N, C-alpha and C. Protein backbone atom coordinates (compact mmCIF):
# COMPACT_ATOMS: atom_id res chain seq x y z
N UNK A 1 149.64 98.74 42.55
CA UNK A 1 150.39 99.02 41.33
C UNK A 1 151.16 100.33 41.40
N UNK A 2 150.86 101.17 42.39
CA UNK A 2 151.60 102.43 42.53
C UNK A 2 151.69 102.79 44.00
N UNK A 3 152.73 103.53 44.34
CA UNK A 3 152.92 103.93 45.73
C UNK A 3 152.03 105.11 46.08
N UNK A 4 151.70 105.19 47.34
CA UNK A 4 150.97 106.34 47.85
C UNK A 4 151.99 107.38 48.30
N UNK A 5 151.97 108.60 47.78
CA UNK A 5 152.95 109.60 48.19
C UNK A 5 152.76 110.01 49.65
N UNK A 6 153.85 110.33 50.32
CA UNK A 6 153.76 110.74 51.73
C UNK A 6 153.20 112.15 51.86
N UNK A 7 153.09 112.83 50.73
CA UNK A 7 152.55 114.18 50.68
C UNK A 7 151.67 114.25 49.43
N UNK A 8 150.46 114.77 49.57
CA UNK A 8 149.53 114.76 48.45
C UNK A 8 149.99 115.61 47.27
N UNK A 9 151.00 116.47 47.48
CA UNK A 9 151.49 117.32 46.40
C UNK A 9 152.58 116.63 45.57
N UNK A 10 153.12 115.55 46.11
CA UNK A 10 154.20 114.85 45.41
C UNK A 10 153.68 113.57 44.79
N UNK A 11 154.41 113.05 43.85
CA UNK A 11 153.98 111.82 43.20
C UNK A 11 154.98 110.68 43.36
N UNK A 12 156.21 110.99 43.81
CA UNK A 12 157.25 109.97 43.79
C UNK A 12 157.71 109.52 45.18
N UNK A 13 157.63 110.38 46.18
CA UNK A 13 158.17 110.05 47.49
C UNK A 13 157.15 109.31 48.33
N UNK A 14 157.56 108.20 48.92
CA UNK A 14 156.64 107.38 49.71
C UNK A 14 157.38 106.79 50.90
N UNK A 15 156.63 106.39 51.91
CA UNK A 15 157.20 105.66 53.03
C UNK A 15 156.73 104.21 53.06
N UNK A 16 155.90 103.84 52.11
CA UNK A 16 155.38 102.47 52.10
C UNK A 16 156.50 101.45 51.91
N UNK A 17 157.41 101.73 50.98
CA UNK A 17 158.50 100.78 50.75
C UNK A 17 159.47 100.74 51.92
N UNK A 18 159.67 101.88 52.57
CA UNK A 18 160.53 101.92 53.76
C UNK A 18 159.95 101.04 54.86
N UNK A 19 158.62 100.98 54.91
CA UNK A 19 157.94 100.14 55.91
C UNK A 19 157.84 98.68 55.48
N UNK A 20 158.34 98.36 54.28
CA UNK A 20 158.37 96.97 53.84
C UNK A 20 157.19 96.54 52.99
N UNK A 21 156.49 97.53 52.38
CA UNK A 21 155.34 97.22 51.52
C UNK A 21 155.64 97.75 50.12
N UNK A 22 155.45 96.88 49.13
CA UNK A 22 155.92 97.19 47.79
C UNK A 22 154.80 97.09 46.75
N UNK A 23 154.98 97.76 45.65
CA UNK A 23 154.00 97.73 44.58
C UNK A 23 153.89 96.35 43.96
N UNK A 24 152.74 96.11 43.32
CA UNK A 24 152.47 94.84 42.63
C UNK A 24 152.56 93.64 43.56
N UNK A 25 152.25 93.88 44.83
CA UNK A 25 152.25 92.82 45.83
C UNK A 25 150.94 92.90 46.61
N UNK A 26 150.32 91.76 46.86
CA UNK A 26 149.07 91.72 47.61
C UNK A 26 149.37 91.44 49.08
N UNK A 27 148.79 92.25 49.97
CA UNK A 27 148.96 92.05 51.41
C UNK A 27 147.59 91.84 52.06
N UNK A 28 147.58 90.98 53.06
CA UNK A 28 146.36 90.71 53.82
C UNK A 28 146.59 91.13 55.26
N UNK A 29 145.55 91.70 55.87
CA UNK A 29 145.65 92.18 57.24
C UNK A 29 144.56 91.55 58.09
N UNK A 30 144.95 91.10 59.28
CA UNK A 30 143.97 90.54 60.20
C UNK A 30 143.07 91.66 60.72
N UNK A 31 141.79 91.41 60.74
CA UNK A 31 140.80 92.43 61.12
C UNK A 31 140.46 92.24 62.59
N UNK A 32 141.28 92.85 63.46
CA UNK A 32 141.10 92.71 64.90
C UNK A 32 140.14 93.75 65.45
N UNK A 33 139.49 93.45 66.59
CA UNK A 33 138.70 94.48 67.28
C UNK A 33 139.61 95.61 67.74
N UNK A 34 139.09 96.82 67.74
CA UNK A 34 139.84 97.96 68.23
C UNK A 34 139.88 97.91 69.75
N UNK A 35 141.05 98.14 70.32
CA UNK A 35 141.18 98.24 71.77
C UNK A 35 141.13 99.72 72.15
N UNK A 36 140.25 100.05 73.08
CA UNK A 36 140.03 101.44 73.46
C UNK A 36 140.54 101.71 74.87
N UNK A 37 141.13 102.87 75.05
CA UNK A 37 141.53 103.35 76.36
C UNK A 37 140.42 104.26 76.89
N UNK A 38 140.03 104.08 78.14
CA UNK A 38 139.01 104.93 78.75
C UNK A 38 139.67 106.21 79.26
N UNK A 39 139.30 107.34 78.67
CA UNK A 39 139.82 108.63 79.11
C UNK A 39 138.98 109.23 80.23
N UNK A 40 137.67 108.98 80.18
CA UNK A 40 136.79 109.54 81.21
C UNK A 40 135.53 108.70 81.31
N UNK A 41 135.10 108.47 82.54
CA UNK A 41 133.84 107.78 82.81
C UNK A 41 132.89 108.78 83.45
N UNK A 42 131.83 109.10 82.73
CA UNK A 42 130.81 110.04 83.22
C UNK A 42 129.60 109.23 83.66
N UNK A 43 129.60 108.84 84.93
CA UNK A 43 128.52 107.99 85.44
C UNK A 43 127.22 108.76 85.57
N UNK A 44 127.31 110.06 85.76
CA UNK A 44 126.10 110.88 85.89
C UNK A 44 125.27 110.83 84.62
N UNK A 45 125.96 110.89 83.47
CA UNK A 45 125.27 110.90 82.18
C UNK A 45 125.39 109.57 81.44
N UNK A 46 125.90 108.55 82.14
CA UNK A 46 125.99 107.19 81.57
C UNK A 46 126.72 107.17 80.22
N UNK A 47 127.91 107.74 80.22
CA UNK A 47 128.68 107.73 78.98
C UNK A 47 130.17 107.62 79.29
N UNK A 48 130.93 107.18 78.29
CA UNK A 48 132.37 106.96 78.44
C UNK A 48 133.10 107.59 77.26
N UNK A 49 134.22 108.23 77.58
CA UNK A 49 135.08 108.85 76.57
C UNK A 49 136.20 107.86 76.24
N UNK A 50 136.29 107.46 74.97
CA UNK A 50 137.23 106.44 74.52
C UNK A 50 138.23 106.99 73.51
N UNK A 51 139.39 106.34 73.51
CA UNK A 51 140.49 106.74 72.64
C UNK A 51 141.23 105.48 72.21
N UNK A 52 141.43 105.30 70.91
CA UNK A 52 142.11 104.09 70.43
C UNK A 52 143.52 104.01 71.01
N UNK A 53 143.97 102.81 71.32
CA UNK A 53 145.28 102.65 71.97
C UNK A 53 146.43 102.53 70.97
N UNK A 54 146.10 102.72 69.69
CA UNK A 54 147.10 102.59 68.63
C UNK A 54 146.62 103.39 67.42
N UNK A 55 147.55 103.87 66.62
CA UNK A 55 147.16 104.58 65.38
C UNK A 55 146.63 103.55 64.39
N UNK A 56 145.41 103.74 63.93
CA UNK A 56 144.73 102.74 63.11
C UNK A 56 144.98 102.89 61.62
N UNK A 57 145.29 104.09 61.19
CA UNK A 57 145.46 104.36 59.77
C UNK A 57 146.40 105.55 59.63
N UNK A 58 146.71 105.92 58.40
CA UNK A 58 147.48 107.12 58.11
C UNK A 58 146.73 107.90 57.04
N UNK A 59 146.43 109.16 57.34
CA UNK A 59 145.66 109.99 56.42
C UNK A 59 146.19 111.42 56.47
N UNK A 60 145.94 112.18 55.41
CA UNK A 60 146.24 113.61 55.44
C UNK A 60 145.17 114.35 56.22
N UNK A 61 145.52 115.48 56.78
CA UNK A 61 144.58 116.34 57.51
C UNK A 61 143.68 117.10 56.53
N UNK A 62 144.31 117.66 55.51
CA UNK A 62 143.59 118.30 54.40
C UNK A 62 144.42 118.12 53.14
N UNK A 63 143.78 117.77 52.06
CA UNK A 63 144.50 117.28 50.89
C UNK A 63 145.30 118.33 50.14
N UNK A 64 145.01 119.62 50.34
CA UNK A 64 145.68 120.66 49.56
C UNK A 64 146.17 121.77 50.49
N UNK A 65 147.48 121.86 50.69
CA UNK A 65 148.00 122.85 51.63
C UNK A 65 148.06 124.25 51.04
N UNK A 66 147.70 124.39 49.78
CA UNK A 66 147.68 125.72 49.14
C UNK A 66 146.26 126.27 48.97
N UNK A 67 145.26 125.46 49.25
CA UNK A 67 143.88 125.82 48.92
C UNK A 67 143.21 126.59 50.05
N UNK A 68 142.97 127.86 49.83
CA UNK A 68 142.18 128.69 50.73
C UNK A 68 140.79 128.84 50.13
N UNK A 69 139.77 128.58 50.94
CA UNK A 69 138.40 128.57 50.42
C UNK A 69 137.57 129.69 51.03
N UNK A 70 136.49 130.04 50.35
CA UNK A 70 135.51 130.96 50.90
C UNK A 70 134.21 130.21 51.07
N UNK A 71 133.76 130.07 52.32
CA UNK A 71 132.55 129.31 52.63
C UNK A 71 131.65 130.20 53.49
N UNK A 72 130.42 130.39 53.04
CA UNK A 72 129.46 131.27 53.73
C UNK A 72 130.04 132.66 53.95
N UNK A 73 130.80 133.13 52.96
CA UNK A 73 131.35 134.48 53.01
C UNK A 73 132.58 134.64 53.89
N UNK A 74 133.09 133.53 54.44
CA UNK A 74 134.26 133.59 55.32
C UNK A 74 135.43 132.82 54.71
N UNK A 75 136.62 133.32 54.96
CA UNK A 75 137.82 132.64 54.49
C UNK A 75 138.08 131.42 55.35
N UNK A 76 138.26 130.29 54.70
CA UNK A 76 138.54 129.04 55.40
C UNK A 76 139.92 128.57 54.98
N UNK A 77 140.81 128.45 55.97
CA UNK A 77 142.18 128.06 55.69
C UNK A 77 142.35 126.54 55.72
N UNK A 78 143.51 126.11 55.33
CA UNK A 78 143.76 124.69 55.15
C UNK A 78 143.72 123.90 56.45
N UNK A 79 144.07 124.54 57.58
CA UNK A 79 144.09 123.82 58.85
C UNK A 79 142.81 124.03 59.66
N UNK A 80 141.73 124.35 58.98
CA UNK A 80 140.43 124.48 59.62
C UNK A 80 139.84 123.08 59.83
N UNK A 81 139.71 122.67 61.08
CA UNK A 81 139.27 121.30 61.36
C UNK A 81 137.84 121.06 60.91
N UNK A 82 137.00 122.07 61.02
CA UNK A 82 135.60 121.92 60.63
C UNK A 82 135.47 121.46 59.19
N UNK A 83 136.31 121.99 58.31
CA UNK A 83 136.24 121.66 56.88
C UNK A 83 137.41 120.79 56.43
N UNK A 84 138.00 120.05 57.34
CA UNK A 84 139.15 119.20 57.00
C UNK A 84 138.69 117.88 56.38
N UNK A 85 139.55 117.31 55.57
CA UNK A 85 139.24 116.01 54.98
C UNK A 85 139.35 114.90 56.03
N UNK A 86 140.18 115.09 57.03
CA UNK A 86 140.31 114.05 58.04
C UNK A 86 139.05 113.94 58.90
N UNK A 87 138.39 115.06 59.14
CA UNK A 87 137.12 115.01 59.88
C UNK A 87 136.07 114.28 59.06
N UNK A 88 136.00 114.58 57.77
CA UNK A 88 135.05 113.88 56.89
C UNK A 88 135.35 112.39 56.84
N UNK A 89 136.63 112.05 56.75
CA UNK A 89 137.03 110.64 56.69
C UNK A 89 136.63 109.90 57.96
N UNK A 90 136.86 110.52 59.11
CA UNK A 90 136.54 109.87 60.39
C UNK A 90 135.05 109.59 60.52
N UNK A 91 134.23 110.55 60.11
CA UNK A 91 132.79 110.44 60.34
C UNK A 91 132.03 109.77 59.19
N UNK A 92 132.75 109.38 58.16
CA UNK A 92 132.13 108.68 57.04
C UNK A 92 132.83 107.34 56.82
N UNK A 93 133.98 107.39 56.19
CA UNK A 93 134.70 106.16 55.86
C UNK A 93 135.01 105.31 57.09
N UNK A 94 135.66 105.92 58.07
CA UNK A 94 136.05 105.15 59.26
C UNK A 94 134.83 104.70 60.06
N UNK A 95 133.91 105.61 60.30
CA UNK A 95 132.71 105.30 61.09
C UNK A 95 131.93 104.14 60.50
N UNK A 96 131.79 104.13 59.18
CA UNK A 96 130.98 103.10 58.52
C UNK A 96 131.75 101.81 58.25
N UNK A 97 133.06 101.86 58.37
CA UNK A 97 133.87 100.66 58.18
C UNK A 97 134.19 99.96 59.50
N UNK A 98 134.46 100.74 60.53
CA UNK A 98 134.97 100.17 61.78
C UNK A 98 133.88 99.65 62.71
N UNK A 99 132.63 100.12 62.53
CA UNK A 99 131.59 99.80 63.51
C UNK A 99 130.39 99.13 62.84
N UNK A 100 129.83 98.16 63.53
CA UNK A 100 128.59 97.54 63.07
C UNK A 100 127.43 98.50 63.32
N UNK A 101 126.29 98.20 62.76
CA UNK A 101 125.10 99.03 62.98
C UNK A 101 124.73 99.07 64.46
N UNK A 102 124.91 97.94 65.15
CA UNK A 102 124.61 97.90 66.58
C UNK A 102 125.57 98.78 67.37
N UNK A 103 126.84 98.75 67.00
CA UNK A 103 127.83 99.58 67.69
C UNK A 103 127.59 101.06 67.42
N UNK A 104 127.18 101.38 66.21
CA UNK A 104 126.92 102.79 65.87
C UNK A 104 125.80 103.38 66.72
N UNK A 105 124.88 102.54 67.17
CA UNK A 105 123.75 103.04 67.95
C UNK A 105 124.16 103.59 69.31
N UNK A 106 125.32 103.16 69.84
CA UNK A 106 125.74 103.67 71.15
C UNK A 106 126.80 104.76 71.05
N UNK A 107 127.22 105.09 69.82
CA UNK A 107 128.17 106.18 69.64
C UNK A 107 127.40 107.50 69.65
N UNK A 108 127.80 108.38 70.53
CA UNK A 108 127.05 109.62 70.76
C UNK A 108 127.52 110.74 69.84
N UNK A 109 126.60 111.66 69.53
CA UNK A 109 126.99 112.92 68.91
C UNK A 109 127.67 113.77 69.97
N UNK A 110 128.87 114.25 69.67
CA UNK A 110 129.66 115.01 70.64
C UNK A 110 129.87 116.43 70.14
N UNK A 111 129.66 117.40 71.03
CA UNK A 111 130.01 118.78 70.73
C UNK A 111 131.51 118.91 70.96
N UNK A 112 132.26 119.01 69.87
CA UNK A 112 133.72 119.01 69.92
C UNK A 112 134.23 120.44 70.06
N UNK A 113 135.03 120.66 71.08
CA UNK A 113 135.57 121.99 71.39
C UNK A 113 136.74 122.31 70.47
N UNK A 114 136.54 123.28 69.59
CA UNK A 114 137.60 123.75 68.70
C UNK A 114 138.00 125.19 69.00
N UNK A 115 137.73 125.62 70.22
CA UNK A 115 138.00 127.01 70.63
C UNK A 115 139.50 127.29 70.66
N UNK A 116 139.83 128.57 70.81
CA UNK A 116 141.23 128.99 70.90
C UNK A 116 141.94 128.25 72.03
N UNK A 117 141.29 128.13 73.18
CA UNK A 117 141.91 127.48 74.33
C UNK A 117 142.23 126.01 74.06
N UNK A 118 141.47 125.36 73.20
CA UNK A 118 141.71 123.95 72.91
C UNK A 118 142.95 123.74 72.06
N UNK A 119 143.43 124.80 71.39
CA UNK A 119 144.52 124.66 70.44
C UNK A 119 145.91 124.76 71.06
N UNK A 120 145.99 125.26 72.29
CA UNK A 120 147.28 125.45 72.93
C UNK A 120 147.95 126.75 72.58
N UNK A 121 147.30 127.57 71.77
CA UNK A 121 147.83 128.88 71.38
C UNK A 121 146.82 129.96 71.74
N UNK A 122 147.27 131.03 72.39
CA UNK A 122 146.40 132.16 72.68
C UNK A 122 147.15 133.45 72.35
N UNK A 123 146.67 134.23 71.38
CA UNK A 123 145.50 133.97 70.54
C UNK A 123 145.83 132.97 69.43
N UNK A 124 144.81 132.54 68.73
CA UNK A 124 144.99 131.68 67.55
C UNK A 124 143.90 132.00 66.55
N UNK A 125 144.27 132.74 65.52
CA UNK A 125 143.31 133.18 64.51
C UNK A 125 142.81 132.03 63.65
N UNK A 126 143.45 130.85 63.76
CA UNK A 126 143.05 129.71 62.95
C UNK A 126 142.08 128.77 63.66
N UNK A 127 141.71 129.09 64.89
CA UNK A 127 140.71 128.28 65.58
C UNK A 127 139.39 128.35 64.82
N UNK A 128 138.67 127.24 64.78
CA UNK A 128 137.44 127.19 63.98
C UNK A 128 136.23 126.99 64.88
N UNK A 129 135.07 126.90 64.26
CA UNK A 129 133.84 126.66 65.00
C UNK A 129 133.88 125.30 65.69
N UNK A 130 133.14 125.18 66.79
CA UNK A 130 132.93 123.87 67.38
C UNK A 130 132.14 123.01 66.39
N UNK A 131 132.33 121.71 66.47
CA UNK A 131 131.66 120.79 65.56
C UNK A 131 130.89 119.74 66.35
N UNK A 132 129.96 119.11 65.71
CA UNK A 132 129.23 117.99 66.30
C UNK A 132 129.59 116.75 65.51
N UNK A 133 130.25 115.81 66.17
CA UNK A 133 130.82 114.65 65.49
C UNK A 133 130.54 113.36 66.25
N UNK A 134 130.54 112.27 65.51
CA UNK A 134 130.55 110.94 66.10
C UNK A 134 131.97 110.56 66.51
N UNK A 135 132.91 110.79 65.60
CA UNK A 135 134.31 110.44 65.78
C UNK A 135 135.15 111.70 65.58
N UNK A 136 136.21 111.83 66.35
CA UNK A 136 137.01 113.05 66.23
C UNK A 136 138.43 112.78 66.69
N UNK A 137 139.33 113.71 66.40
CA UNK A 137 140.70 113.67 66.90
C UNK A 137 140.78 114.41 68.23
N UNK A 138 141.74 114.07 69.03
CA UNK A 138 142.00 114.82 70.25
C UNK A 138 142.63 116.17 69.92
N UNK A 139 142.48 117.11 70.84
CA UNK A 139 143.06 118.44 70.67
C UNK A 139 144.35 118.56 71.47
N UNK A 140 145.02 119.67 71.29
CA UNK A 140 146.22 119.96 72.08
C UNK A 140 145.89 119.95 73.56
N UNK A 141 144.81 120.62 73.94
CA UNK A 141 144.46 120.69 75.36
C UNK A 141 144.09 119.32 75.92
N UNK A 142 143.53 118.44 75.10
CA UNK A 142 143.20 117.09 75.55
C UNK A 142 144.44 116.30 75.96
N UNK A 143 145.48 116.38 75.14
CA UNK A 143 146.65 115.51 75.36
C UNK A 143 147.63 116.06 76.39
N UNK A 144 147.31 117.20 76.97
CA UNK A 144 148.09 117.69 78.12
C UNK A 144 147.22 117.70 79.38
N UNK A 145 146.06 117.03 79.30
CA UNK A 145 145.11 116.99 80.41
C UNK A 145 145.37 115.74 81.25
N UNK A 146 145.84 115.94 82.47
CA UNK A 146 146.16 114.80 83.34
C UNK A 146 144.90 114.01 83.71
N UNK A 147 143.72 114.66 83.64
CA UNK A 147 142.47 113.95 83.94
C UNK A 147 142.25 112.80 82.97
N UNK A 148 142.78 112.92 81.77
CA UNK A 148 142.65 111.87 80.76
C UNK A 148 143.79 110.86 80.81
N UNK A 149 144.66 111.00 81.78
CA UNK A 149 145.77 110.07 81.91
C UNK A 149 147.03 110.48 81.18
N UNK A 150 147.04 111.65 80.58
CA UNK A 150 148.23 112.14 79.88
C UNK A 150 149.09 112.91 80.88
N UNK A 151 149.88 112.16 81.63
CA UNK A 151 150.63 112.75 82.74
C UNK A 151 152.11 112.94 82.41
N UNK A 152 152.55 112.40 81.31
CA UNK A 152 153.95 112.53 80.91
C UNK A 152 154.07 112.26 79.42
N UNK A 153 155.25 112.49 78.89
CA UNK A 153 155.45 112.22 77.46
C UNK A 153 155.28 110.74 77.16
N UNK A 154 155.61 109.88 78.11
CA UNK A 154 155.47 108.43 77.89
C UNK A 154 154.01 108.05 77.67
N UNK A 155 153.11 108.72 78.38
CA UNK A 155 151.68 108.40 78.26
C UNK A 155 151.11 108.76 76.89
N UNK A 156 151.84 109.55 76.11
CA UNK A 156 151.37 109.95 74.78
C UNK A 156 152.04 109.17 73.66
N UNK A 157 152.95 108.29 73.98
CA UNK A 157 153.65 107.51 72.96
C UNK A 157 152.74 106.40 72.45
N UNK A 158 152.63 106.32 71.12
CA UNK A 158 151.77 105.32 70.50
C UNK A 158 152.48 104.63 69.35
N UNK A 159 152.07 103.41 69.09
CA UNK A 159 152.54 102.69 67.93
C UNK A 159 151.40 102.65 66.89
N UNK A 160 151.64 102.03 65.77
CA UNK A 160 150.64 101.99 64.70
C UNK A 160 150.39 100.56 64.26
N UNK A 161 149.24 100.34 63.68
CA UNK A 161 148.91 99.02 63.14
C UNK A 161 149.74 98.72 61.90
N UNK A 162 149.79 97.45 61.55
CA UNK A 162 150.46 97.08 60.30
C UNK A 162 149.80 97.76 59.10
N UNK A 163 148.47 97.89 59.17
CA UNK A 163 147.77 98.53 58.06
C UNK A 163 148.19 100.00 57.92
N UNK A 164 148.33 100.69 59.06
CA UNK A 164 148.77 102.09 59.02
C UNK A 164 150.16 102.19 58.41
N UNK A 165 151.02 101.25 58.74
CA UNK A 165 152.37 101.24 58.15
C UNK A 165 152.30 101.00 56.65
N UNK A 166 151.38 100.12 56.25
CA UNK A 166 151.21 99.87 54.82
C UNK A 166 150.70 101.11 54.10
N UNK A 167 149.99 101.95 54.82
CA UNK A 167 149.50 103.21 54.27
C UNK A 167 150.59 104.28 54.24
N UNK A 168 151.72 104.01 54.88
CA UNK A 168 152.83 104.96 54.86
C UNK A 168 153.03 105.71 56.15
N UNK A 169 152.48 105.22 57.26
CA UNK A 169 152.67 105.88 58.55
C UNK A 169 154.14 105.82 58.95
N UNK A 170 154.71 106.96 59.27
CA UNK A 170 156.12 107.00 59.64
C UNK A 170 156.30 106.36 61.02
N UNK A 171 157.39 105.64 61.19
CA UNK A 171 157.69 105.02 62.48
C UNK A 171 159.12 105.35 62.88
N UNK A 172 159.33 105.48 64.18
CA UNK A 172 160.66 105.82 64.68
C UNK A 172 161.59 104.61 64.58
N UNK A 173 162.82 104.88 64.20
CA UNK A 173 163.85 103.83 64.20
C UNK A 173 164.82 104.02 65.35
N UNK A 174 164.56 105.03 66.19
CA UNK A 174 165.40 105.28 67.35
C UNK A 174 165.27 104.14 68.35
N UNK A 175 166.35 103.74 68.96
CA UNK A 175 166.33 102.66 69.94
C UNK A 175 165.40 102.97 71.09
N UNK A 176 165.37 104.22 71.52
CA UNK A 176 164.56 104.61 72.68
C UNK A 176 163.07 104.62 72.37
N UNK A 177 162.71 104.88 71.10
CA UNK A 177 161.30 105.04 70.74
C UNK A 177 160.92 104.11 69.58
N UNK A 178 161.56 102.97 69.49
CA UNK A 178 161.43 102.08 68.35
C UNK A 178 159.98 101.71 68.05
N UNK A 179 159.56 101.97 66.83
CA UNK A 179 158.21 101.62 66.39
C UNK A 179 157.15 102.63 66.70
N UNK A 180 157.45 103.64 67.51
CA UNK A 180 156.45 104.67 67.81
C UNK A 180 156.17 105.51 66.57
N UNK A 181 154.98 106.11 66.52
CA UNK A 181 154.61 106.92 65.36
C UNK A 181 154.25 108.34 65.78
N UNK A 182 154.22 109.21 64.81
CA UNK A 182 153.65 110.55 64.99
C UNK A 182 152.16 110.46 64.71
N UNK A 183 151.34 111.21 65.48
CA UNK A 183 149.89 111.12 65.25
C UNK A 183 149.23 112.50 65.36
N UNK A 184 148.20 112.65 64.53
CA UNK A 184 147.53 113.93 64.36
C UNK A 184 146.74 114.37 65.60
N UNK A 185 146.75 115.67 65.83
CA UNK A 185 145.77 116.34 66.68
C UNK A 185 144.87 117.17 65.78
N UNK A 186 143.73 117.56 66.28
CA UNK A 186 142.82 118.36 65.44
C UNK A 186 143.16 119.85 65.48
N UNK A 187 144.05 120.26 66.36
CA UNK A 187 144.31 121.68 66.62
C UNK A 187 145.17 122.32 65.52
N UNK A 188 144.76 123.49 65.03
CA UNK A 188 145.54 124.22 64.04
C UNK A 188 146.68 124.99 64.71
N UNK A 189 147.69 125.31 63.94
CA UNK A 189 148.82 126.10 64.42
C UNK A 189 148.52 127.59 64.23
N UNK A 190 148.97 128.39 65.17
CA UNK A 190 148.84 129.84 65.03
C UNK A 190 149.85 130.36 64.01
N UNK A 191 149.43 131.33 63.20
CA UNK A 191 150.28 132.04 62.23
C UNK A 191 150.72 131.19 61.04
N UNK A 192 150.29 129.94 60.97
CA UNK A 192 150.58 129.10 59.82
C UNK A 192 149.28 128.44 59.40
N UNK A 193 148.71 128.91 58.32
CA UNK A 193 147.37 128.47 57.94
C UNK A 193 147.35 127.08 57.32
N UNK A 194 148.52 126.53 56.99
CA UNK A 194 148.53 125.21 56.36
C UNK A 194 149.27 124.16 57.20
N UNK A 195 149.36 124.40 58.50
CA UNK A 195 149.98 123.45 59.42
C UNK A 195 149.03 123.09 60.55
N UNK A 196 149.07 121.84 61.00
CA UNK A 196 148.29 121.40 62.14
C UNK A 196 149.22 120.70 63.14
N UNK A 197 148.75 120.58 64.37
CA UNK A 197 149.57 120.02 65.44
C UNK A 197 149.57 118.49 65.41
N UNK A 198 150.59 117.92 66.02
CA UNK A 198 150.65 116.47 66.15
C UNK A 198 151.47 116.11 67.39
N UNK A 199 151.39 114.85 67.78
CA UNK A 199 152.22 114.32 68.87
C UNK A 199 153.35 113.53 68.24
N UNK A 200 154.57 113.84 68.65
CA UNK A 200 155.75 113.20 68.10
C UNK A 200 155.89 111.77 68.64
N UNK A 201 156.76 110.99 67.99
CA UNK A 201 156.96 109.60 68.40
C UNK A 201 157.50 109.46 69.83
N UNK A 202 158.12 110.53 70.35
CA UNK A 202 158.61 110.48 71.73
C UNK A 202 157.60 110.99 72.74
N UNK A 203 156.39 111.36 72.25
CA UNK A 203 155.34 111.85 73.12
C UNK A 203 155.34 113.35 73.30
N UNK A 204 156.19 114.04 72.56
CA UNK A 204 156.26 115.50 72.65
C UNK A 204 155.05 116.13 71.98
N UNK A 205 154.47 117.14 72.63
CA UNK A 205 153.32 117.87 72.09
C UNK A 205 153.78 119.26 71.67
N UNK A 206 153.33 119.71 70.56
CA UNK A 206 153.68 121.06 70.13
C UNK A 206 154.31 121.11 68.77
N UNK A 207 154.60 119.94 68.21
CA UNK A 207 155.10 119.91 66.85
C UNK A 207 153.98 120.22 65.86
N UNK A 208 154.34 120.66 64.69
CA UNK A 208 153.33 120.93 63.66
C UNK A 208 153.91 120.60 62.29
N UNK A 209 153.02 120.35 61.35
CA UNK A 209 153.42 119.84 60.05
C UNK A 209 152.38 120.25 59.01
N UNK A 210 152.79 120.27 57.74
CA UNK A 210 151.86 120.60 56.66
C UNK A 210 150.67 119.63 56.67
N UNK A 211 149.50 120.19 56.41
CA UNK A 211 148.26 119.41 56.51
C UNK A 211 148.14 118.32 55.44
N UNK A 212 148.90 118.43 54.36
CA UNK A 212 148.76 117.44 53.27
C UNK A 212 149.70 116.26 53.40
N UNK A 213 150.32 116.08 54.55
CA UNK A 213 151.17 114.92 54.78
C UNK A 213 150.30 113.70 55.12
N UNK A 214 150.63 112.58 54.52
CA UNK A 214 149.86 111.35 54.75
C UNK A 214 150.58 110.39 55.69
N UNK A 215 151.68 110.83 56.29
CA UNK A 215 152.55 109.94 57.04
C UNK A 215 152.27 109.91 58.54
N UNK A 216 151.26 110.63 59.01
CA UNK A 216 150.92 110.65 60.42
C UNK A 216 149.78 109.70 60.72
N UNK A 217 149.83 109.10 61.91
CA UNK A 217 148.80 108.17 62.32
C UNK A 217 147.50 108.87 62.70
N UNK A 218 146.41 108.14 62.51
CA UNK A 218 145.08 108.62 62.91
C UNK A 218 144.63 107.80 64.12
N UNK A 219 144.34 108.50 65.22
CA UNK A 219 143.94 107.85 66.46
C UNK A 219 142.57 108.40 66.86
N UNK A 220 141.51 107.69 66.54
CA UNK A 220 140.15 108.21 66.77
C UNK A 220 139.76 108.26 68.25
N UNK A 221 138.87 109.18 68.56
CA UNK A 221 138.27 109.29 69.89
C UNK A 221 136.75 109.42 69.73
N UNK A 222 136.00 109.02 70.75
CA UNK A 222 134.55 109.08 70.69
C UNK A 222 133.96 108.91 72.07
N UNK A 223 132.71 109.32 72.22
CA UNK A 223 131.91 109.07 73.43
C UNK A 223 130.86 108.01 73.10
N UNK A 224 130.69 107.07 74.03
CA UNK A 224 129.62 106.08 73.86
C UNK A 224 128.72 106.08 75.08
N UNK A 225 127.48 105.68 74.88
CA UNK A 225 126.54 105.54 75.99
C UNK A 225 126.70 104.17 76.63
N UNK A 226 126.46 104.09 77.94
CA UNK A 226 126.59 102.81 78.65
C UNK A 226 125.32 102.54 79.45
């Protein structure tokens, strides 16, 4: 009955209609299994690092780009991944929706590196504590790591599901990158407390955007036991 704004601060601007989804209309989506790309096989510890091969949804990184918080006596900025809404969404809503109880049993708790070096900026005063997560976003350092198969801009180009488009995920209309989307990284930007990094539709790394934008794709990553 109402459009989802492309920015949580606005009420009128949306990308849902641009993607062909309109108010007062019911849409059905086929519930397909997620296809995962293997980023790393750790045979020593019997585990595999997986990354979705497509943006599954569109969500904001943090819902309020003006909200600075004080938690445990420390200032927490809007692009702090530890306290981001997208981290909560991944480990609650997505985790409990996308996986069966049997599948959840093989998803490992991962110590996620949120250090300065992971952000692509040195120094970076917005780097946060490391976190322990089931599901997480890739970092800047992850998507420039050739060990994970990210050897060129083409290797970082992703498309999005129909559901993500219905949620307002922006897609490229360029002939060269037709249908590709922008997708979130977990890394905060240096000197801008309300911006986080993302990968552009052409596979470029280093762009950044306000955390309250809902138009970027969410591409989950996780470790599983084998």
